[in-house]
PDB file of N, CA and C in Angstrom:
ATOM      1  N   MET A   1       9.213  -4.218 -34.211  1.00  0.00           N
ATOM      2  CA  MET A   1       8.379  -3.159 -33.675  1.00  0.00           C
ATOM      3  C   MET A   1       7.193  -2.966 -34.608  1.00  0.00           C
ATOM      4  N   PRO A   2       5.962  -2.966 -34.065  1.00  0.00           N
ATOM      5  CA  PRO A   2       4.792  -2.777 -34.916  1.00  0.00           C
ATOM      6  C   PRO A   2       4.792  -1.381 -35.530  1.00  0.00           C
ATOM      7  N   THR A   3       4.510  -1.299 -36.808  1.00  0.00           N
ATOM      8  CA  THR A   3       4.511  -0.009 -37.479  1.00  0.00           C
ATOM      9  C   THR A   3       3.225   0.758 -37.241  1.00  0.00           C
ATOM     10  N   HIS A   4       2.183   0.091 -36.795  1.00  0.00           N
ATOM     11  CA  HIS A   4       0.893   0.754 -36.597  1.00  0.00           C
ATOM     12  C   HIS A   4       0.800   1.486 -35.257  1.00  0.00           C
ATOM     13  N   LEU A   5       1.750   1.296 -34.398  1.00  0.00           N
ATOM     14  CA  LEU A   5       1.686   1.859 -33.060  1.00  0.00           C
ATOM     15  C   LEU A   5       2.450   3.175 -32.982  1.00  0.00           C
ATOM     16  N   ASP A   6       1.756   4.227 -32.587  1.00  0.00           N
ATOM     17  CA  ASP A   6       2.398   5.520 -32.388  1.00  0.00           C
ATOM     18  C   ASP A   6       2.825   5.652 -30.930  1.00  0.00           C
ATOM     19  N   LEU A   7       3.910   6.333 -30.723  1.00  0.00           N
ATOM     20  CA  LEU A   7       4.385   6.604 -29.368  1.00  0.00           C
ATOM     21  C   LEU A   7       3.685   7.860 -28.860  1.00  0.00           C
ATOM     22  N   SER A   8       3.027   7.758 -27.724  1.00  0.00           N
ATOM     23  CA  SER A   8       2.345   8.920 -27.163  1.00  0.00           C
ATOM     24  C   SER A   8       3.276   9.661 -26.209  1.00  0.00           C
ATOM     25  N   LEU A   9       3.145  10.962 -26.200  1.00  0.00           N
ATOM     26  CA  LEU A   9       3.939  11.780 -25.292  1.00  0.00           C
ATOM     27  C   LEU A   9       3.596  11.444 -23.844  1.00  0.00           C
ATOM     28  N   SER A  10       2.345  11.115 -23.578  1.00  0.00           N
ATOM     29  CA  SER A  10       1.964  10.758 -22.209  1.00  0.00           C
ATOM     30  C   SER A  10       2.674   9.490 -21.752  1.00  0.00           C
ATOM     31  N   SER A  11       2.927   8.557 -22.656  1.00  0.00           N
ATOM     32  CA  SER A  11       3.677   7.347 -22.299  1.00  0.00           C
ATOM     33  C   SER A  11       5.130   7.680 -21.972  1.00  0.00           C
ATOM     34  N   VAL A  12       5.699   8.606 -22.719  1.00  0.00           N
ATOM     35  CA  VAL A  12       7.081   9.020 -22.460  1.00  0.00           C
ATOM     36  C   VAL A  12       7.156   9.744 -21.116  1.00  0.00           C
ATOM     37  N   ARG A  13       6.205  10.637 -20.857  1.00  0.00           N
ATOM     38  CA  ARG A  13       6.170  11.355 -19.579  1.00  0.00           C
ATOM     39  C   ARG A  13       5.981  10.388 -18.412  1.00  0.00           C
ATOM     40  N   ALA A  14       5.128   9.386 -18.591  1.00  0.00           N
ATOM     41  CA  ALA A  14       4.914   8.395 -17.529  1.00  0.00           C
ATOM     42  C   ALA A  14       6.201   7.619 -17.263  1.00  0.00           C
ATOM     43  N   PHE A  15       6.899   7.232 -18.316  1.00  0.00           N
ATOM     44  CA  PHE A  15       8.175   6.526 -18.166  1.00  0.00           C
ATOM     45  C   PHE A  15       9.159   7.368 -17.360  1.00  0.00           C
ATOM     46  N   LEU A  16       9.294   8.636 -17.720  1.00  0.00           N
ATOM     47  CA  LEU A  16      10.228   9.509 -17.009  1.00  0.00           C
ATOM     48  C   LEU A  16       9.827   9.691 -15.548  1.00  0.00           C
ATOM     49  N   ALA A  17       8.541   9.839 -15.295  1.00  0.00           N
ATOM     50  CA  ALA A  17       8.084  10.014 -13.915  1.00  0.00           C
ATOM     51  C   ALA A  17       8.358   8.757 -13.090  1.00  0.00           C
ATOM     52  N   VAL A  18       8.136   7.589 -13.681  1.00  0.00           N
ATOM     53  CA  VAL A  18       8.414   6.338 -12.963  1.00  0.00           C
ATOM     54  C   VAL A  18       9.907   6.222 -12.684  1.00  0.00           C
ATOM     55  N   VAL A  19      10.732   6.584 -13.648  1.00  0.00           N
ATOM     56  CA  VAL A  19      12.183   6.551 -13.441  1.00  0.00           C
ATOM     57  C   VAL A  19      12.566   7.511 -12.317  1.00  0.00           C
ATOM     58  N   ASP A  20      12.023   8.718 -12.347  1.00  0.00           N
ATOM     59  CA  ASP A  20      12.387   9.738 -11.358  1.00  0.00           C
ATOM     60  C   ASP A  20      11.876   9.423  -9.959  1.00  0.00           C
ATOM     61  N   PHE A  21      10.684   8.832  -9.857  1.00  0.00           N
ATOM     62  CA  PHE A  21      10.086   8.582  -8.546  1.00  0.00           C
ATOM     63  C   PHE A  21      10.233   7.138  -8.071  1.00  0.00           C
ATOM     64  N   GLY A  22      10.560   6.210  -8.983  1.00  0.00           N
ATOM     65  CA  GLY A  22      10.809   4.831  -8.597  1.00  0.00           C
ATOM     66  C   GLY A  22       9.584   3.972  -8.390  1.00  0.00           C
ATOM     67  N   LYS A  23       8.396   4.572  -8.432  1.00  0.00           N
ATOM     68  CA  LYS A  23       7.151   3.820  -8.229  1.00  0.00           C
ATOM     69  C   LYS A  23       6.064   4.406  -9.116  1.00  0.00           C
ATOM     70  N   GLU A  24       5.199   3.527  -9.628  1.00  0.00           N
ATOM     71  CA  GLU A  24       4.093   3.983 -10.461  1.00  0.00           C
ATOM     72  C   GLU A  24       3.124   4.880  -9.688  1.00  0.00           C
ATOM     73  N   ALA A  25       2.864   4.540  -8.435  1.00  0.00           N
ATOM     74  CA  ALA A  25       1.912   5.333  -7.648  1.00  0.00           C
ATOM     75  C   ALA A  25       2.412   6.766  -7.469  1.00  0.00           C
ATOM     76  N   ALA A  26       3.681   6.919  -7.149  1.00  0.00           N
ATOM     77  CA  ALA A  26       4.251   8.257  -6.973  1.00  0.00           C
ATOM     78  C   ALA A  26       4.296   8.999  -8.307  1.00  0.00           C
ATOM     79  N   ALA A  27       4.594   8.287  -9.385  1.00  0.00           N
ATOM     80  CA  ALA A  27       4.597   8.899 -10.715  1.00  0.00           C
ATOM     81  C   ALA A  27       3.201   9.386 -11.070  1.00  0.00           C
ATOM     82  N   GLY A  28       2.196   8.570 -10.786  1.00  0.00           N
ATOM     83  CA  GLY A  28       0.820   8.958 -11.067  1.00  0.00           C
ATOM     84  C   GLY A  28       0.399  10.188 -10.284  1.00  0.00           C
ATOM     85  N   LYS A  29       0.794  10.223  -9.028  1.00  0.00           N
ATOM     86  CA  LYS A  29       0.466  11.394  -8.199  1.00  0.00           C
ATOM     87  C   LYS A  29       1.101  12.653  -8.787  1.00  0.00           C
ATOM     88  N   TYR A  30       2.348  12.560  -9.186  1.00  0.00           N
ATOM     89  CA  TYR A  30       3.050  13.695  -9.786  1.00  0.00           C
ATOM     90  C   TYR A  30       2.371  14.136 -11.087  1.00  0.00           C
ATOM     91  N   LEU A  31       1.979  13.165 -11.902  1.00  0.00           N
ATOM     92  CA  LEU A  31       1.374  13.467 -13.199  1.00  0.00           C
ATOM     93  C   LEU A  31      -0.111  13.822 -13.101  1.00  0.00           C
ATOM     94  N   GLY A  32      -0.712  13.550 -11.947  1.00  0.00           N
ATOM     95  CA  GLY A  32      -2.137  13.824 -11.773  1.00  0.00           C
ATOM     96  C   GLY A  32      -3.021  12.785 -12.438  1.00  0.00           C
ATOM     97  N   ILE A  33      -2.507  11.546 -12.516  1.00  0.00           N
ATOM     98  CA  ILE A  33      -3.284  10.452 -13.091  1.00  0.00           C
ATOM     99  C   ILE A  33      -3.224   9.257 -12.144  1.00  0.00           C
ATOM    100  N   ALA A  34      -4.122   8.311 -12.325  1.00  0.00           N
ATOM    101  CA  ALA A  34      -4.173   7.129 -11.471  1.00  0.00           C
ATOM    102  C   ALA A  34      -3.046   6.156 -11.812  1.00  0.00           C
ATOM    103  N   GLN A  35      -2.630   5.378 -10.831  1.00  0.00           N
ATOM    104  CA  GLN A  35      -1.557   4.402 -11.023  1.00  0.00           C
ATOM    105  C   GLN A  35      -1.884   3.418 -12.143  1.00  0.00           C
ATOM    106  N   PRO A  36      -3.145   2.925 -12.269  1.00  0.00           N
ATOM    107  CA  PRO A  36      -3.418   2.015 -13.392  1.00  0.00           C
ATOM    108  C   PRO A  36      -3.191   2.666 -14.763  1.00  0.00           C
ATOM    109  N   THR A  37      -3.391   3.965 -14.855  1.00  0.00           N
ATOM    110  CA  THR A  37      -3.141   4.679 -16.104  1.00  0.00           C
ATOM    111  C   THR A  37      -1.643   4.728 -16.390  1.00  0.00           C
ATOM    112  N   VAL A  38      -0.846   4.948 -15.359  1.00  0.00           N
ATOM    113  CA  VAL A  38       0.615   4.925 -15.517  1.00  0.00           C
ATOM    114  C   VAL A  38       1.047   3.550 -16.010  1.00  0.00           C
ATOM    115  N   ASN A  39       0.484   2.504 -15.420  1.00  0.00           N
ATOM    116  CA  ASN A  39       0.814   1.144 -15.813  1.00  0.00           C
ATOM    117  C   ASN A  39       0.447   0.887 -17.270  1.00  0.00           C
ATOM    118  N   LYS A  40      -0.715   1.359 -17.680  1.00  0.00           N
ATOM    119  CA  LYS A  40      -1.155   1.198 -19.071  1.00  0.00           C
ATOM    120  C   LYS A  40      -0.192   1.918 -20.024  1.00  0.00           C
ATOM    121  N   GLN A  41       0.234   3.107 -19.642  1.00  0.00           N
ATOM    122  CA  GLN A  41       1.163   3.867 -20.476  1.00  0.00           C
ATOM    123  C   GLN A  41       2.527   3.176 -20.544  1.00  0.00           C
ATOM    124  N   ARG A  42       2.952   2.579 -19.441  1.00  0.00           N
ATOM    125  CA  ARG A  42       4.198   1.789 -19.448  1.00  0.00           C
ATOM    126  C   ARG A  42       4.106   0.641 -20.432  1.00  0.00           C
ATOM    127  N   LYS A  43       2.977  -0.039 -20.419  1.00  0.00           N
ATOM    128  CA  LYS A  43       2.786  -1.180 -21.318  1.00  0.00           C
ATOM    129  C   LYS A  43       2.771  -0.735 -22.780  1.00  0.00           C
ATOM    130  N   GLN A  44       2.184   0.431 -23.058  1.00  0.00           N
ATOM    131  CA  GLN A  44       2.188   0.958 -24.421  1.00  0.00           C
ATOM    132  C   GLN A  44       3.625   1.261 -24.868  1.00  0.00           C
ATOM    133  N   LEU A  45       4.409   1.836 -23.967  1.00  0.00           N
ATOM    134  CA  LEU A  45       5.805   2.130 -24.287  1.00  0.00           C
ATOM    135  C   LEU A  45       6.581   0.836 -24.511  1.00  0.00           C
ATOM    136  N   GLU A  46       6.345  -0.162 -23.681  1.00  0.00           N
ATOM    137  CA  GLU A  46       7.011  -1.457 -23.838  1.00  0.00           C
ATOM    138  C   GLU A  46       6.702  -2.056 -25.205  1.00  0.00           C
ATOM    139  N   GLU A  47       5.441  -1.945 -25.617  1.00  0.00           N
ATOM    140  CA  GLU A  47       5.060  -2.477 -26.927  1.00  0.00           C
ATOM    141  C   GLU A  47       5.766  -1.704 -28.038  1.00  0.00           C
ATOM    142  N   TRP A  48       5.829  -0.390 -27.908  1.00  0.00           N
ATOM    143  CA  TRP A  48       6.473   0.434 -28.929  1.00  0.00           C
ATOM    144  C   TRP A  48       7.969   0.146 -29.010  1.00  0.00           C
ATOM    145  N   LEU A  49       8.613   0.003 -27.834  1.00  0.00           N
ATOM    146  CA  LEU A  49      10.045  -0.279 -27.796  1.00  0.00           C
ATOM    147  C   LEU A  49      10.369  -1.716 -28.186  1.00  0.00           C
ATOM    148  N   GLY A  50       9.396  -2.597 -28.034  1.00  0.00           N
ATOM    149  CA  GLY A  50       9.643  -4.002 -28.330  1.00  0.00           C
ATOM    150  C   GLY A  50      10.374  -4.724 -27.221  1.00  0.00           C
ATOM    151  N   GLY A  51      10.287  -4.192 -26.006  1.00  0.00           N
ATOM    152  CA  GLY A  51      10.940  -4.814 -24.857  1.00  0.00           C
ATOM    153  C   GLY A  51      10.662  -4.029 -23.596  1.00  0.00           C
ATOM    154  N   LEU A  52      11.184  -4.511 -22.498  1.00  0.00           N
ATOM    155  CA  LEU A  52      10.957  -3.890 -21.196  1.00  0.00           C
ATOM    156  C   LEU A  52      12.011  -2.832 -20.889  1.00  0.00           C
ATOM    157  N   PRO A  53      11.582  -1.573 -20.692  1.00  0.00           N
ATOM    158  CA  PRO A  53      12.548  -0.552 -20.280  1.00  0.00           C
ATOM    159  C   PRO A  53      12.766  -0.536 -18.770  1.00  0.00           C
ATOM    160  N   LEU A  54      11.812  -1.117 -18.031  1.00  0.00           N
ATOM    161  CA  LEU A  54      11.884  -1.128 -16.567  1.00  0.00           C
ATOM    162  C   LEU A  54      11.630  -2.533 -16.042  1.00  0.00           C
ATOM    163  N   LEU A  55      12.320  -2.883 -14.973  1.00  0.00           N
ATOM    164  CA  LEU A  55      12.081  -4.143 -14.276  1.00  0.00           C
ATOM    165  C   LEU A  55      11.325  -3.849 -12.997  1.00  0.00           C
ATOM    166  N   ASP A  56      10.319  -4.669 -12.716  1.00  0.00           N
ATOM    167  CA  ASP A  56       9.564  -4.486 -11.484  1.00  0.00           C
ATOM    168  C   ASP A  56      10.452  -4.774 -10.290  1.00  0.00           C
ATOM    169  N   GLY A  57      10.197  -4.066  -9.247  1.00  0.00           N
ATOM    170  CA  GLY A  57      10.943  -4.192  -8.011  1.00  0.00           C
ATOM    171  C   GLY A  57      10.708  -2.942  -7.195  1.00  0.00           C
ATOM    172  N   LYS A  58      11.334  -2.857  -6.068  1.00  0.00           N
ATOM    173  CA  LYS A  58      11.184  -1.677  -5.215  1.00  0.00           C
ATOM    174  C   LYS A  58      12.550  -1.090  -4.964  1.00  0.00           C
ATOM    175  N   PRO A  59      12.940  -0.042  -5.640  1.00  0.00           N
ATOM    176  CA  PRO A  59      12.191   0.675  -6.676  1.00  0.00           C
ATOM    177  C   PRO A  59      12.310  -0.027  -8.023  1.00  0.00           C
ATOM    178  N   LEU A  60      11.501   0.426  -8.984  1.00  0.00           N
ATOM    179  CA  LEU A  60      11.617  -0.078 -10.350  1.00  0.00           C
ATOM    180  C   LEU A  60      13.020   0.239 -10.868  1.00  0.00           C
ATOM    181  N   ARG A  61      13.571  -0.651 -11.675  1.00  0.00           N
ATOM    182  CA  ARG A  61      14.935  -0.457 -12.179  1.00  0.00           C
ATOM    183  C   ARG A  61      14.946  -0.431 -13.698  1.00  0.00           C
ATOM    184  N   LEU A  62      15.853   0.354 -14.245  1.00  0.00           N
ATOM    185  CA  LEU A  62      16.011   0.417 -15.696  1.00  0.00           C
ATOM    186  C   LEU A  62      16.707  -0.834 -16.217  1.00  0.00           C
ATOM    187  N   THR A  63      16.245  -1.309 -17.353  1.00  0.00           N
ATOM    188  CA  THR A  63      16.932  -2.373 -18.084  1.00  0.00           C
ATOM    189  C   THR A  63      17.937  -1.696 -19.021  1.00  0.00           C
ATOM    190  N   PRO A  64      18.787  -2.453 -19.693  1.00  0.00           N
ATOM    191  CA  PRO A  64      19.664  -1.821 -20.692  1.00  0.00           C
ATOM    192  C   PRO A  64      18.869  -1.056 -21.765  1.00  0.00           C
ATOM    193  N   LEU A  65      17.720  -1.587 -22.157  1.00  0.00           N
ATOM    194  CA  LEU A  65      16.863  -0.887 -23.113  1.00  0.00           C
ATOM    195  C   LEU A  65      16.378   0.430 -22.510  1.00  0.00           C
ATOM    196  N   GLY A  66      15.977   0.397 -21.253  1.00  0.00           N
ATOM    197  CA  GLY A  66      15.543   1.613 -20.570  1.00  0.00           C
ATOM    198  C   GLY A  66      16.658   2.628 -20.431  1.00  0.00           C
ATOM    199  N   GLU A  67      17.867   2.148 -20.139  1.00  0.00           N
ATOM    200  CA  GLU A  67      19.037   3.044 -20.040  1.00  0.00           C
ATOM    201  C   GLU A  67      19.285   3.739 -21.378  1.00  0.00           C
ATOM    202  N   ALA A  68      19.136   3.000 -22.466  1.00  0.00           N
ATOM    203  CA  ALA A  68      19.362   3.570 -23.793  1.00  0.00           C
ATOM    204  C   ALA A  68      18.258   4.560 -24.167  1.00  0.00           C
ATOM    205  N   PHE A  69      17.025   4.273 -23.753  1.00  0.00           N
ATOM    206  CA  PHE A  69      15.897   5.133 -24.125  1.00  0.00           C
ATOM    207  C   PHE A  69      15.789   6.373 -23.238  1.00  0.00           C
ATOM    208  N   LEU A  70      16.303   6.319 -22.025  1.00  0.00           N
ATOM    209  CA  LEU A  70      16.148   7.418 -21.069  1.00  0.00           C
ATOM    210  C   LEU A  70      16.607   8.775 -21.620  1.00  0.00           C
ATOM    211  N   PRO A  71      17.823   8.917 -22.154  1.00  0.00           N
ATOM    212  CA  PRO A  71      18.216  10.237 -22.656  1.00  0.00           C
ATOM    213  C   PRO A  71      17.375  10.691 -23.852  1.00  0.00           C
ATOM    214  N   VAL A  72      16.917   9.747 -24.646  1.00  0.00           N
ATOM    215  CA  VAL A  72      16.051  10.082 -25.778  1.00  0.00           C
ATOM    216  C   VAL A  72      14.724  10.617 -25.251  1.00  0.00           C
ATOM    217  N   ALA A  73      14.165   9.939 -24.254  1.00  0.00           N
ATOM    218  CA  ALA A  73      12.892  10.360 -23.670  1.00  0.00           C
ATOM    219  C   ALA A  73      13.007  11.755 -23.054  1.00  0.00           C
ATOM    220  N   ARG A  74      14.087  11.988 -22.317  1.00  0.00           N
ATOM    221  CA  ARG A  74      14.270  13.314 -21.707  1.00  0.00           C
ATOM    222  C   ARG A  74      14.387  14.395 -22.783  1.00  0.00           C
ATOM    223  N   SER A  75      15.111  14.102 -23.842  1.00  0.00           N
ATOM    224  CA  SER A  75      15.278  15.061 -24.929  1.00  0.00           C
ATOM    225  C   SER A  75      13.947  15.365 -25.613  1.00  0.00           C
ATOM    226  N   ILE A  76      13.160  14.340 -25.861  1.00  0.00           N
ATOM    227  CA  ILE A  76      11.841  14.528 -26.488  1.00  0.00           C
ATOM    228  C   ILE A  76      10.998  15.476 -25.656  1.00  0.00           C
ATOM    229  N   VAL A  77      10.891  15.199 -24.368  1.00  0.00           N
ATOM    230  CA  VAL A  77      10.043  16.006 -23.494  1.00  0.00           C
ATOM    231  C   VAL A  77      10.588  17.423 -23.349  1.00  0.00           C
ATOM    232  N   GLU A  78      11.886  17.559 -23.148  1.00  0.00           N
ATOM    233  CA  GLU A  78      12.474  18.895 -22.988  1.00  0.00           C
ATOM    234  C   GLU A  78      12.269  19.742 -24.239  1.00  0.00           C
ATOM    235  N   GLN A  79      12.483  19.155 -25.403  1.00  0.00           N
ATOM    236  CA  GLN A  79      12.344  19.929 -26.627  1.00  0.00           C
ATOM    237  C   GLN A  79      10.891  20.294 -26.912  1.00  0.00           C
ATOM    238  N   LEU A  80       9.979  19.385 -26.671  1.00  0.00           N
ATOM    239  CA  LEU A  80       8.576  19.711 -26.898  1.00  0.00           C
ATOM    240  C   LEU A  80       8.062  20.713 -25.875  1.00  0.00           C
ATOM    241  N   ASP A  81       8.492  20.578 -24.626  1.00  0.00           N
ATOM    242  CA  ASP A  81       8.092  21.556 -23.609  1.00  0.00           C
ATOM    243  C   ASP A  81       8.654  22.935 -23.921  1.00  0.00           C
ATOM    244  N   ALA A  82       9.879  22.969 -24.421  1.00  0.00           N
ATOM    245  CA  ALA A  82      10.504  24.250 -24.747  1.00  0.00           C
ATOM    246  C   ALA A  82       9.789  24.942 -25.907  1.00  0.00           C
ATOM    247  N   ALA A  83       9.167  24.180 -26.753  1.00  0.00           N
ATOM    248  CA  ALA A  83       8.471  24.746 -27.904  1.00  0.00           C
ATOM    249  C   ALA A  83       7.145  25.396 -27.515  1.00  0.00           C
ATOM    250  N   ARG A  84       6.676  25.095 -26.327  1.00  0.00           N
ATOM    251  CA  ARG A  84       5.413  25.697 -25.871  1.00  0.00           C
ATOM    252  C   ARG A  84       5.660  27.152 -25.505  1.00  0.00           C
ATOM    253  N   PRO A  85       4.799  28.050 -25.977  1.00  0.00           N
ATOM    254  CA  PRO A  85       5.043  29.484 -25.757  1.00  0.00           C
ATOM    255  C   PRO A  85       4.933  29.927 -24.296  1.00  0.00           C
ATOM    256  N   ASN A  86       4.147  29.252 -23.489  1.00  0.00           N
ATOM    257  CA  ASN A  86       3.974  29.678 -22.097  1.00  0.00           C
ATOM    258  C   ASN A  86       4.611  28.685 -21.125  1.00  0.00           C
ATOM    259  N   ALA A  87       5.768  28.167 -21.490  1.00  0.00           N
ATOM    260  CA  ALA A  87       6.477  27.187 -20.675  1.00  0.00           C
ATOM    261  C   ALA A  87       6.890  27.792 -19.341  1.00  0.00           C
ATOM    262  N   LYS A  88       6.805  26.993 -18.276  1.00  0.00           N
ATOM    263  CA  LYS A  88       7.070  27.499 -16.945  1.00  0.00           C
ATOM    264  C   LYS A  88       8.232  26.813 -16.223  1.00  0.00           C
ATOM    265  N   SER A  89       8.679  25.673 -16.697  1.00  0.00           N
ATOM    266  CA  SER A  89       9.737  24.973 -15.972  1.00  0.00           C
ATOM    267  C   SER A  89      11.080  25.672 -16.179  1.00  0.00           C
ATOM    268  N   PRO A  90      12.037  25.471 -15.279  1.00  0.00           N
ATOM    269  CA  PRO A  90      13.346  26.101 -15.423  1.00  0.00           C
ATOM    270  C   PRO A  90      14.034  25.762 -16.743  1.00  0.00           C
ATOM    271  N   ILE A  91      13.952  24.507 -17.170  1.00  0.00           N
ATOM    272  CA  ILE A  91      14.604  24.142 -18.426  1.00  0.00           C
ATOM    273  C   ILE A  91      13.932  24.862 -19.589  1.00  0.00           C
ATOM    274  N   GLN A  92      12.616  25.011 -19.532  1.00  0.00           N
ATOM    275  CA  GLN A  92      11.910  25.704 -20.603  1.00  0.00           C
ATOM    276  C   GLN A  92      12.307  27.177 -20.642  1.00  0.00           C
ATOM    277  N   LYS A  93      12.398  27.803 -19.477  1.00  0.00           N
ATOM    278  CA  LYS A  93      12.796  29.211 -19.427  1.00  0.00           C
ATOM    279  C   LYS A  93      14.220  29.377 -19.942  1.00  0.00           C
ATOM    280  N   PHE A  94      15.112  28.483 -19.548  1.00  0.00           N
ATOM    281  CA  PHE A  94      16.488  28.547 -20.002  1.00  0.00           C
ATOM    282  C   PHE A  94      16.569  28.407 -21.523  1.00  0.00           C
ATOM    283  N   LEU A  95      15.858  27.422 -22.053  1.00  0.00           N
ATOM    284  CA  LEU A  95      15.913  27.197 -23.494  1.00  0.00           C
ATOM    285  C   LEU A  95      15.327  28.372 -24.264  1.00  0.00           C
ATOM    286  N   ARG A  96      14.290  28.990 -23.736  1.00  0.00           N
ATOM    287  CA  ARG A  96      13.731  30.176 -24.404  1.00  0.00           C
ATOM    288  C   ARG A  96      14.738  31.315 -24.379  1.00  0.00           C
ATOM    289  N   ARG A  97      15.402  31.533 -23.233  1.00  0.00           N
ATOM    290  CA  ARG A  97      16.387  32.619 -23.119  1.00  0.00           C
ATOM    291  C   ARG A  97      17.574  32.385 -24.027  1.00  0.00           C
ATOM    292  N   SER A  98      18.033  31.142 -24.085  1.00  0.00           N
ATOM    293  CA  SER A  98      19.219  30.863 -24.893  1.00  0.00           C
ATOM    294  C   SER A  98      18.868  30.743 -26.371  1.00  0.00           C
ATOM    295  N   ASN A  99      17.574  30.683 -26.656  1.00  0.00           N
ATOM    296  CA  ASN A  99      17.089  30.644 -28.030  1.00  0.00           C
ATOM    297  C   ASN A  99      17.687  29.460 -28.796  1.00  0.00           C
ATOM    298  N   THR A 100      17.813  28.315 -28.102  1.00  0.00           N
ATOM    299  CA  THR A 100      18.352  27.120 -28.761  1.00  0.00           C
ATOM    300  C   THR A 100      17.351  26.004 -28.674  1.00  0.00           C
ATOM    301  N   LEU A 101      16.648  25.791 -29.724  1.00  0.00           N
ATOM    302  CA  LEU A 101      15.719  24.674 -29.812  1.00  0.00           C
ATOM    303  C   LEU A 101      16.122  23.854 -31.024  1.00  0.00           C
ATOM    304  N   GLN A 102      16.557  22.627 -30.770  1.00  0.00           N
ATOM    305  CA  GLN A 102      17.019  21.783 -31.863  1.00  0.00           C
ATOM    306  C   GLN A 102      16.202  20.507 -31.880  1.00  0.00           C
ATOM    307  N   PHE A 103      15.670  20.165 -33.022  1.00  0.00           N
ATOM    308  CA  PHE A 103      14.960  18.911 -33.184  1.00  0.00           C
ATOM    309  C   PHE A 103      15.860  17.951 -33.930  1.00  0.00           C
ATOM    310  N   CYS A 104      15.982  16.745 -33.378  1.00  0.00           N
ATOM    311  CA  CYS A 104      16.846  15.734 -34.011  1.00  0.00           C
ATOM    312  C   CYS A 104      16.081  15.019 -35.091  1.00  0.00           C
TER     313      CYS A 104
END
């Protein structure tokens, strides 16, 4: 894995959206970005991971690497979203109420 490459939160969010929606176009629509941008973010994540987390197909499928990274990606996003003071999602509201924010 290259040490000079930082993992961007937008790449993690794009990965999760593609997993949840099964297609880059639908993920882009959800995220409010163009499909080529989703694809670029996928490629950045692939470079950071050192392998393919998703296999092309209809729908896109997780590889073993993607299966291993998925819970980590969800945890990263949930914890960072929960840390935002004006969070609006149900998980963010729950985490604020329960007052449990843990960083690994």
